[in-house]
Amino acid sequence: MKLAPMPPGDAIFGHARSLARSPLRTLLRWMTDHGPIVRFRVGSRDAHVVFAPEGIRRVLADPDGIYGKDTHGYRTLRLFTGDGLLTNDDASWARQRRILQPAFHRQSIAAQVTMMQDVAARWADVLVSTRGEPVRIDEVAMRATLEIVGRALFGTDLVGHAAEVASAIADLQVAANRRISAPVTLPFGVPTPEHLRIRRARARLRRILAGLVADRRRTGSAGTDVIDLLLAARVEDTGEELALETILDELVTLLIAGHESTANALTWALVLLARHPAELAAVRAEVDLLPADAPLTAQALTNLPRVRAVIDETMRLYPPAWSFGRAPRRDDVIAGCSVPAGRLVMVVPWATHRDRSIFPQPEAFDPARFLGRTPPAFSYLPFGAGSRTCIGHAFARTEAVVLLATWIRSLDLELLPGQDLEPAPLVTLRPREGVWMSALRRRG
């Protein structure tokens, strides 16, 4: 069986330097130059990256149960989040998903739309209060999505913890990226300054969430939010309550994933619309057709196909999960090339979303791609695909549509010139230096 092609690399470090220096450009170049599957090396570790939809289908649909999450990247994330839905790779994963699924049913999300609009409107007023002075729109987006996640999933207001949460997540993202991309890593038990920083950030998040759990135990059920679902769940074999650490693993995962991905998508959408005034005018015309004083509902959102298309196209260009990996439990074959057991197999939506055979003019911002059209299976992967598709994908997409529709309807947002708006490829695609905009109440 033939080997996948390998780009030229360093004799000692393999491809570690080029990936560390410019991972997005490097991976895109590999796809363009070498085709559907590429072999690469980081230090002593060989790995593969799969770009084409059929190869991705093999990995993510996984009909033979070959591919798991026992990878260096997921082991690193597990240090931060524990064994939540994102990182768990054993038989308990399906049970965890069943426990949390009611919070993400269509009816549950629909019931949160008016609340999402209220939060969006309040933060629009905050932006207006700046009177056109420069403001970090990415930070405001993070605060707004954190409030929505707190109220919808945790039944509480997390705004008072926003600065601490943002600081802890930023520390974890930077540290995780360094550890995942490093050719050699020390055991986490070694008390290096970075390892100590990670432990402190992890402890800060878990302390905040443990306080929420303790409060809920005292006050009783608030409905069917995630904390209620976890407190009501029982261990299958013993009938005992879930351990606090198990509950915190799920809450940390949902806290990080639940507001970070949406805030990034919203920020990039605002940047793209500011750069494309014709698209901004088109989505404003659509939003302006909604009844002026009526609250948004799930039904009303069905009348916003262009706003949804803007969010979908934004997540094509800036996918929330820009890369992720799997490891085969036994030898496999992808695109005619051998993939040995235990070797990392990466999927990179950032690159696959720029395959010009699937998305013509792939670097162009063109929301019309998503108006009445569905990309081929396993070619569009903002939230993964297959059975492990992100449980919160519908929640995140609804939240982004509500926030974007509310803000463009009520605000004039202008992008300040001279900014470095390159994405930072950490665990998610954050704007490297943040995004500065000016905000005024919309005229006319």
Protein backbone atom coordinates (compact mmCIF):
# COMPACT_ATOMS: atom_id res chain seq x y z
CA MET A 1 0.00 0.00 0.00
CA LYS A 2 1.40 3.40 -0.95
CA LEU A 3 2.31 6.14 1.51
CA ALA A 4 0.69 9.54 1.43
CA PRO A 5 2.88 12.32 -0.03
CA MET A 6 5.06 14.23 2.44
CA PRO A 7 6.08 17.87 1.86
CA PRO A 8 9.76 18.77 2.38
CA GLY A 9 10.59 19.34 6.04
CA ASP A 10 13.36 19.82 8.57
CA ALA A 11 15.61 16.80 9.20
CA ILE A 12 15.28 17.08 12.99
CA PHE A 13 11.97 18.82 13.69
CA GLY A 14 10.09 17.68 10.61
CA HIS A 15 7.30 20.14 9.88
CA ALA A 16 7.01 21.52 13.41
CA ARG A 17 8.58 24.88 12.58
CA SER A 18 6.45 25.64 9.54
CA LEU A 19 3.30 24.59 11.41
CA ALA A 20 4.24 26.69 14.42
CA ARG A 21 5.17 29.69 12.29
CA SER A 22 2.15 29.72 9.99
CA PRO A 23 -0.19 26.76 10.41
CA LEU A 24 -3.05 28.15 8.33
CA ARG A 25 -0.93 28.99 5.28
CA THR A 26 1.09 25.80 5.62
CA LEU A 27 -1.92 23.50 5.69
CA LEU A 28 -3.63 25.33 2.83
CA ARG A 29 -0.46 25.03 0.73
CA TRP A 30 -0.23 21.31 1.45
CA MET A 31 -3.80 20.79 0.27
CA THR A 32 -3.18 22.78 -2.90
CA ASP A 33 0.17 21.12 -3.69
CA HIS A 34 -0.36 17.53 -2.58
CA GLY A 35 -4.04 16.64 -2.77
CA PRO A 36 -6.53 14.80 -0.57
CA ILE A 37 -4.17 13.36 2.07
CA VAL A 38 -0.73 14.46 3.25
CA ARG A 39 1.76 12.85 5.61
CA PHE A 40 3.82 15.07 7.92
CA ARG A 41 6.08 14.85 10.94
CA VAL A 42 6.34 16.83 14.19
CA GLY A 43 9.50 15.81 16.02
CA SER A 44 9.41 12.02 16.10
CA ARG A 45 5.63 11.80 15.57
CA ASP A 46 4.33 10.98 12.10
CA ALA A 47 0.81 12.12 11.28
CA HIS A 48 -1.62 12.64 8.42
CA VAL A 49 -3.98 15.42 7.40
CA VAL A 50 -7.06 14.63 5.32
CA PHE A 51 -8.50 17.39 3.15
CA ALA A 52 -11.03 15.83 0.76
CA PRO A 53 -14.66 15.15 1.77
CA GLU A 54 -14.51 11.41 1.06
CA GLY A 55 -11.46 10.99 3.30
CA ILE A 56 -13.11 13.15 5.97
CA ARG A 57 -16.22 10.99 5.72
CA ARG A 58 -14.06 7.91 6.38
CA VAL A 59 -12.70 9.50 9.56
CA LEU A 60 -15.79 11.24 10.98
CA ALA A 61 -18.63 8.98 9.87
CA ASP A 62 -16.35 6.10 10.95
CA PRO A 63 -18.65 3.22 9.92
CA ASP A 64 -16.21 0.62 11.25
CA GLY A 65 -15.58 2.27 14.62
CA ILE A 66 -11.88 2.75 13.91
CA TYR A 67 -11.25 6.37 14.82
CA GLY A 68 -11.01 7.64 18.40
CA LYS A 69 -9.83 10.71 20.26
CA ASP A 70 -6.66 9.30 21.81
CA THR A 71 -4.53 12.05 20.29
CA HIS A 72 -1.95 14.45 21.67
CA GLY A 73 -4.33 17.36 21.06
CA TYR A 74 -7.27 15.85 22.93
CA ARG A 75 -5.03 14.64 25.75
CA THR A 76 -3.87 18.24 26.09
CA LEU A 77 -7.43 19.61 26.08
CA ARG A 78 -8.35 16.99 28.67
CA LEU A 79 -5.88 18.64 31.06
CA PHE A 80 -8.06 21.75 30.91
CA THR A 81 -11.62 20.51 30.48
CA GLY A 82 -11.51 17.01 31.95
CA ASP A 83 -13.64 14.32 30.32
CA GLY A 84 -16.52 16.40 29.04
CA LEU A 85 -18.35 15.76 25.77
CA LEU A 86 -15.56 17.33 23.72
CA THR A 87 -12.78 15.02 24.91
CA ASN A 88 -14.46 11.87 26.22
CA ASP A 89 -13.69 8.85 24.05
CA ASP A 90 -15.08 5.87 25.93
CA ALA A 91 -18.46 4.18 26.22
CA SER A 92 -19.78 6.82 28.62
CA TRP A 93 -19.79 9.47 25.89
CA ALA A 94 -23.20 8.43 24.52
CA ARG A 95 -24.68 8.51 28.04
CA GLN A 96 -23.24 12.00 28.61
CA ARG A 97 -24.79 13.23 25.38
CA ARG A 98 -28.19 11.77 26.29
CA ILE A 99 -28.09 13.55 29.65
CA LEU A 100 -27.41 16.94 28.07
CA GLN A 101 -29.50 16.58 24.92
CA PRO A 102 -32.77 18.05 26.36
CA ALA A 103 -31.05 21.43 26.82
CA PHE A 104 -30.34 21.51 23.08
CA HIS A 105 -33.66 20.24 21.71
CA ARG A 106 -35.27 22.50 19.10
CA GLN A 107 -38.05 23.49 21.51
CA SER A 108 -35.53 24.39 24.23
CA ILE A 109 -33.58 26.62 21.85
CA ALA A 110 -36.76 28.22 20.49
CA ALA A 111 -37.78 29.16 24.02
CA GLN A 112 -34.53 31.11 24.45
CA VAL A 113 -34.77 33.33 21.34
CA THR A 114 -36.55 36.26 23.01
CA MET A 115 -34.04 36.17 25.88
CA MET A 116 -31.20 36.19 23.34
CA GLN A 117 -32.73 39.27 21.69
CA ASP A 118 -33.08 41.02 25.06
CA VAL A 119 -29.40 40.43 25.79
CA ALA A 120 -28.42 41.56 22.28
CA ALA A 121 -30.49 44.75 22.62
CA ARG A 122 -28.99 45.56 26.02
CA TRP A 123 -25.45 45.20 24.69
CA ALA A 124 -26.40 47.31 21.67
CA ASP A 125 -27.35 50.05 24.15
CA VAL A 126 -23.97 49.59 25.84
CA LEU A 127 -22.28 50.10 22.47
CA VAL A 128 -24.36 53.22 21.77
CA SER A 129 -23.27 54.64 25.13
CA THR A 130 -19.67 54.74 23.87
CA ARG A 131 -20.75 57.62 21.55
CA GLY A 132 -18.57 56.53 18.67
CA GLU A 133 -15.38 56.07 20.68
CA PRO A 134 -13.26 53.03 19.68
CA VAL A 135 -14.44 49.82 21.34
CA ARG A 136 -13.16 46.23 21.26
CA ILE A 137 -16.13 44.61 19.53
CA ASP A 138 -14.73 41.11 20.10
CA GLU A 139 -14.74 41.70 23.86
CA VAL A 140 -18.32 42.99 23.77
CA ALA A 141 -19.32 39.93 21.72
CA MET A 142 -17.68 37.68 24.33
CA ARG A 143 -19.57 39.40 27.14
CA ALA A 144 -22.89 39.14 25.30
CA THR A 145 -22.49 35.45 24.46
CA LEU A 146 -21.29 34.67 27.98
CA GLU A 147 -24.47 36.25 29.35
CA ILE A 148 -26.62 34.22 26.96
CA VAL A 149 -24.85 30.95 27.78
CA GLY A 150 -25.11 31.68 31.50
CA ARG A 151 -28.83 32.37 31.34
CA ALA A 152 -29.79 29.69 28.81
CA LEU A 153 -27.61 26.77 29.88
CA PHE A 154 -26.72 27.51 33.51
CA GLY A 155 -29.78 29.45 34.65
CA THR A 156 -27.71 32.33 36.01
CA ASP A 157 -26.04 35.60 35.05
CA LEU A 158 -22.29 35.14 34.46
CA VAL A 159 -21.56 38.77 33.56
CA GLY A 160 -20.09 39.42 36.99
CA HIS A 161 -17.50 36.72 36.25
CA ALA A 162 -16.81 37.88 32.69
CA ALA A 163 -13.31 39.30 33.24
CA GLU A 164 -12.14 36.26 35.20
CA VAL A 165 -13.63 33.82 32.70
CA ALA A 166 -12.13 35.66 29.72
CA SER A 167 -8.69 35.76 31.33
CA ALA A 168 -8.75 32.06 32.24
CA ILE A 169 -9.93 30.95 28.79
CA ALA A 170 -7.30 33.11 27.05
CA ASP A 171 -4.56 31.57 29.23
CA LEU A 172 -5.82 28.06 28.47
CA GLN A 173 -6.05 28.69 24.71
CA VAL A 174 -2.49 29.99 24.42
CA ALA A 175 -1.08 27.24 26.62
CA ALA A 176 -3.01 24.50 24.81
CA ASN A 177 -1.83 25.72 21.42
CA ARG A 178 1.81 25.77 22.53
CA ARG A 179 1.60 22.31 24.03
CA ILE A 180 -0.25 20.79 21.06
CA SER A 181 2.17 22.18 18.47
CA ALA A 182 5.42 21.59 20.41
CA PRO A 183 7.61 18.75 19.07
CA VAL A 184 8.55 17.79 22.66
CA THR A 185 6.53 18.36 25.85
CA LEU A 186 7.28 17.81 29.52
CA PRO A 187 4.84 15.79 31.65
CA PHE A 188 2.12 18.02 33.05
CA GLY A 189 3.17 17.10 36.58
CA VAL A 190 6.44 19.02 36.13
CA PRO A 191 5.80 22.43 37.78
CA THR A 192 6.98 24.69 34.97
CA PRO A 193 5.73 28.31 34.96
CA GLU A 194 3.38 27.51 32.06
CA HIS A 195 2.01 24.39 33.74
CA LEU A 196 1.36 26.38 36.90
CA ARG A 197 -0.44 29.06 34.85
CA ILE A 198 -2.62 26.36 33.29
CA ARG A 199 -3.49 24.90 36.69
CA ARG A 200 -4.44 28.33 38.04
CA ALA A 201 -6.62 29.13 35.03
CA ARG A 202 -8.31 25.72 35.23
CA ALA A 203 -8.91 26.18 38.95
CA ARG A 204 -10.47 29.63 38.42
CA LEU A 205 -13.04 28.31 35.97
CA ARG A 206 -13.89 25.30 38.10
CA ARG A 207 -14.26 27.42 41.23
CA ILE A 208 -16.80 29.68 39.51
CA LEU A 209 -18.78 26.72 38.21
CA ALA A 210 -18.60 24.80 41.48
CA GLY A 211 -20.19 27.84 43.11
CA LEU A 212 -23.07 27.67 40.62
CA VAL A 213 -23.59 23.98 41.37
CA ALA A 214 -23.54 24.60 45.13
CA ASP A 215 -26.07 27.42 44.75
CA ARG A 216 -28.38 25.18 42.71
CA ARG A 217 -28.19 22.40 45.28
CA ARG A 218 -29.33 24.92 47.90
CA THR A 219 -32.07 26.60 45.89
CA GLY A 220 -33.40 23.62 43.95
CA SER A 221 -34.30 23.18 40.30
CA ALA A 222 -34.59 26.19 38.00
CA GLY A 223 -36.11 24.15 35.16
CA THR A 224 -34.27 21.99 32.67
CA ASP A 225 -30.98 23.80 32.20
CA VAL A 226 -27.68 21.93 32.05
CA ILE A 227 -26.99 22.15 35.78
CA ASP A 228 -30.41 20.65 36.56
CA LEU A 229 -29.90 17.86 34.02
CA LEU A 230 -26.51 16.95 35.49
CA LEU A 231 -27.72 17.06 39.09
CA ALA A 232 -30.69 14.84 38.20
CA ALA A 233 -28.55 12.30 36.34
CA ARG A 234 -27.49 9.06 38.00
CA VAL A 235 -24.57 6.71 37.48
CA GLU A 236 -25.98 3.73 35.58
CA ASP A 237 -24.36 0.98 37.63
CA THR A 238 -24.93 2.38 41.12
CA GLY A 239 -27.78 4.89 40.86
CA GLU A 240 -25.60 7.46 42.66
CA GLU A 241 -25.45 11.13 41.74
CA LEU A 242 -22.72 12.20 39.34
CA ALA A 243 -19.49 13.20 41.04
CA LEU A 244 -18.87 16.93 41.26
CA GLU A 245 -15.75 16.59 39.09
CA THR A 246 -17.82 14.90 36.37
CA ILE A 247 -20.37 17.72 36.49
CA LEU A 248 -17.62 20.35 36.33
CA ASP A 249 -16.00 18.63 33.34
CA GLU A 250 -19.24 19.10 31.38
CA LEU A 251 -19.82 22.66 32.57
CA VAL A 252 -16.28 23.80 31.73
CA THR A 253 -16.59 22.29 28.26
CA LEU A 254 -19.94 23.98 27.59
CA LEU A 255 -18.78 27.29 29.04
CA ILE A 256 -15.71 27.46 26.80
CA ALA A 257 -17.32 26.09 23.66
CA GLY A 258 -20.73 27.67 24.23
CA HIS A 259 -19.75 31.31 24.10
CA GLU A 260 -16.30 31.38 22.49
CA SER A 261 -17.32 29.96 19.10
CA THR A 262 -20.39 32.20 18.77
CA ALA A 263 -18.52 35.34 19.84
CA ASN A 264 -15.81 34.67 17.27
CA ALA A 265 -18.37 34.03 14.51
CA LEU A 266 -20.23 37.23 15.39
CA THR A 267 -17.01 39.27 15.44
CA TRP A 268 -15.82 37.96 12.08
CA ALA A 269 -19.30 38.51 10.59
CA LEU A 270 -19.22 42.17 11.67
CA VAL A 271 -15.74 42.57 10.17
CA LEU A 272 -16.82 41.02 6.87
CA LEU A 273 -20.00 43.09 6.63
CA ALA A 274 -18.05 46.27 7.39
CA ARG A 275 -15.75 45.41 4.49
CA HIS A 276 -18.67 44.54 2.15
CA PRO A 277 -21.25 47.35 2.34
CA ALA A 278 -23.46 45.80 -0.36
CA GLU A 279 -23.88 42.66 1.76
CA LEU A 280 -24.57 44.79 4.83
CA ALA A 281 -27.28 46.67 2.94
CA ALA A 282 -28.85 43.38 1.81
CA VAL A 283 -29.07 41.88 5.30
CA ARG A 284 -30.33 45.17 6.74
CA ALA A 285 -33.10 45.25 4.14
CA GLU A 286 -34.11 41.75 5.23
CA VAL A 287 -34.04 42.53 8.95
CA ASP A 288 -35.99 45.77 8.42
CA LEU A 289 -38.93 43.75 7.11
CA LEU A 290 -39.51 42.29 10.57
CA PRO A 291 -42.23 43.99 12.67
CA ALA A 292 -40.57 46.92 14.41
CA ASP A 293 -41.83 46.37 17.95
CA ALA A 294 -42.40 42.62 17.99
CA PRO A 295 -39.91 40.43 19.86
CA LEU A 296 -37.91 37.96 17.84
CA THR A 297 -39.19 34.41 17.89
CA ALA A 298 -37.93 31.16 16.45
CA GLN A 299 -40.58 31.49 13.74
CA ALA A 300 -39.40 35.00 12.88
CA LEU A 301 -35.86 33.71 12.39
CA THR A 302 -37.08 31.61 9.46
CA ASN A 303 -37.65 34.93 7.66
CA LEU A 304 -33.95 35.79 7.89
CA PRO A 305 -32.30 33.48 5.33
CA ARG A 306 -29.72 36.09 4.31
CA VAL A 307 -28.64 36.72 7.90
CA ARG A 308 -28.26 32.96 8.38
CA ALA A 309 -26.28 32.81 5.13
CA VAL A 310 -23.92 35.52 6.43
CA ILE A 311 -23.28 33.47 9.57
CA ASP A 312 -22.79 30.28 7.54
CA GLU A 313 -20.37 31.96 5.13
CA THR A 314 -18.50 33.56 8.02
CA MET A 315 -18.04 30.13 9.59
CA ARG A 316 -16.81 28.80 6.26
CA LEU A 317 -14.05 31.42 6.22
CA TYR A 318 -13.44 31.32 9.98
CA PRO A 319 -14.64 27.91 11.22
CA PRO A 320 -15.04 27.69 15.03
CA ALA A 321 -13.10 24.41 15.09
CA TRP A 322 -10.45 25.17 12.47
CA SER A 323 -8.70 21.81 12.97
CA PHE A 324 -9.17 18.66 15.03
CA GLY A 325 -7.83 15.15 15.06
CA ARG A 326 -8.58 11.47 15.42
CA ALA A 327 -6.40 8.37 15.82
CA PRO A 328 -7.17 4.99 14.20
CA ARG A 329 -7.29 2.05 16.60
CA ARG A 330 -6.10 -0.22 13.81
CA ASP A 331 -4.45 0.20 10.41
CA ASP A 332 -6.65 1.86 7.80
CA VAL A 333 -6.59 3.13 4.23
CA ILE A 334 -7.66 6.65 3.21
CA ALA A 335 -7.61 7.85 -0.41
CA GLY A 336 -5.59 4.77 -1.30
CA CYS A 337 -2.87 5.55 1.24
CA SER A 338 -1.99 3.51 4.33
CA VAL A 339 -2.67 5.07 7.75
CA PRO A 340 -1.05 3.09 10.60
CA ALA A 341 -2.84 2.51 13.89
CA GLY A 342 -2.24 5.16 16.52
CA ARG A 343 -1.07 7.89 14.12
CA LEU A 344 -2.75 11.28 14.30
CA VAL A 345 -5.19 11.99 11.45
CA MET A 346 -6.08 15.68 11.24
CA VAL A 347 -9.18 17.21 9.68
CA VAL A 348 -8.73 20.91 8.84
CA PRO A 349 -11.97 22.74 8.00
CA TRP A 350 -9.96 25.93 7.44
CA ALA A 351 -8.36 24.31 4.39
CA THR A 352 -11.25 22.12 3.18
CA HIS A 353 -13.52 25.19 3.23
CA ARG A 354 -11.06 26.76 0.76
CA ASP A 355 -11.07 23.89 -1.74
CA ARG A 356 -11.91 25.72 -4.96
CA SER A 357 -13.38 22.56 -6.51
CA ILE A 358 -16.10 22.77 -3.82
CA PHE A 359 -16.28 26.51 -3.12
CA PRO A 360 -15.43 28.62 -6.21
CA GLN A 361 -13.45 31.78 -5.39
CA PRO A 362 -12.90 30.37 -1.91
CA GLU A 363 -11.35 33.50 -0.37
CA ALA A 364 -14.31 35.67 -1.39
CA PHE A 365 -17.04 36.53 1.12
CA ASP A 366 -20.15 35.34 -0.70
CA PRO A 367 -23.13 34.50 1.55
CA ALA A 368 -25.19 33.62 -1.54
CA ARG A 369 -23.36 30.26 -1.52
CA PHE A 370 -25.72 29.27 1.30
CA LEU A 371 -29.00 30.68 -0.04
CA GLY A 372 -31.05 27.64 -0.96
CA ARG A 373 -27.94 25.51 -1.36
CA THR A 374 -26.34 22.83 0.77
CA PRO A 375 -22.61 22.07 0.41
CA PRO A 376 -21.65 18.46 -0.34
CA ALA A 377 -21.53 16.16 2.68
CA PHE A 378 -18.35 16.43 4.76
CA SER A 379 -17.17 19.53 2.88
CA TYR A 380 -18.57 22.11 5.32
CA LEU A 381 -17.53 21.40 8.91
CA PRO A 382 -17.89 24.42 11.23
CA PHE A 383 -19.04 22.13 14.05
CA GLY A 384 -17.56 18.83 12.90
CA ALA A 385 -19.64 16.09 11.30
CA GLY A 386 -20.85 12.56 11.91
CA SER A 387 -22.05 11.25 15.26
CA ARG A 388 -19.67 13.58 17.15
CA THR A 389 -21.10 16.78 15.65
CA CYS A 390 -21.07 19.47 18.34
CA ILE A 391 -24.18 19.10 20.52
CA GLY A 392 -24.60 22.88 20.64
CA HIS A 393 -24.36 23.65 16.92
CA ALA A 394 -28.03 24.71 16.56
CA PHE A 395 -27.87 26.76 19.76
CA ALA A 396 -24.71 28.57 18.62
CA ARG A 397 -26.07 29.27 15.15
CA THR A 398 -29.36 30.63 16.54
CA GLU A 399 -27.51 32.79 19.05
CA ALA A 400 -25.26 34.23 16.31
CA VAL A 401 -28.22 35.01 14.04
CA VAL A 402 -30.12 36.78 16.84
CA LEU A 403 -27.13 38.86 17.90
CA LEU A 404 -26.19 39.82 14.35
CA ALA A 405 -29.75 40.67 13.32
CA THR A 406 -30.29 42.81 16.42
CA TRP A 407 -27.01 44.70 16.12
CA ILE A 408 -27.13 45.47 12.41
CA ARG A 409 -30.72 46.61 12.78
CA SER A 410 -29.96 49.10 15.53
CA LEU A 411 -26.29 50.07 15.12
CA ASP A 412 -23.92 51.70 12.67
CA LEU A 413 -20.64 49.90 13.25
CA GLU A 414 -17.51 51.19 11.53
CA LEU A 415 -14.28 49.25 11.37
CA LEU A 416 -11.30 51.35 12.45
CA PRO A 417 -8.51 51.45 9.84
CA GLY A 418 -4.97 50.13 10.21
CA GLN A 419 -5.74 46.98 12.21
CA ASP A 420 -4.09 43.57 12.01
CA LEU A 421 -7.14 41.38 11.44
CA GLU A 422 -5.34 38.10 10.88
CA PRO A 423 -6.83 35.19 12.83
CA ALA A 424 -4.80 33.62 15.61
CA PRO A 425 -5.00 29.82 15.17
CA LEU A 426 -5.35 28.83 18.80
CA VAL A 427 -7.94 26.23 19.83
CA THR A 428 -10.41 28.57 18.08
CA LEU A 429 -9.82 31.28 15.46
CA ARG A 430 -9.68 34.47 17.48
CA PRO A 431 -8.75 37.84 15.96
CA ARG A 432 -5.04 38.09 16.74
CA GLU A 433 -5.09 41.64 18.12
CA GLY A 434 -8.80 42.05 18.75
CA VAL A 435 -11.16 44.12 16.59
CA TRP A 436 -11.74 47.84 17.16
CA MET A 437 -14.92 49.46 15.87
CA SER A 438 -16.91 52.59 16.51
CA ALA A 439 -20.61 52.28 17.31
CA LEU A 440 -23.44 54.77 16.93
CA ARG A 441 -27.21 54.46 16.94
CA ARG A 442 -28.27 53.62 13.39
CA ARG A 443 -29.45 56.58 11.33
CA GLY A 444 -32.54 56.02 9.23
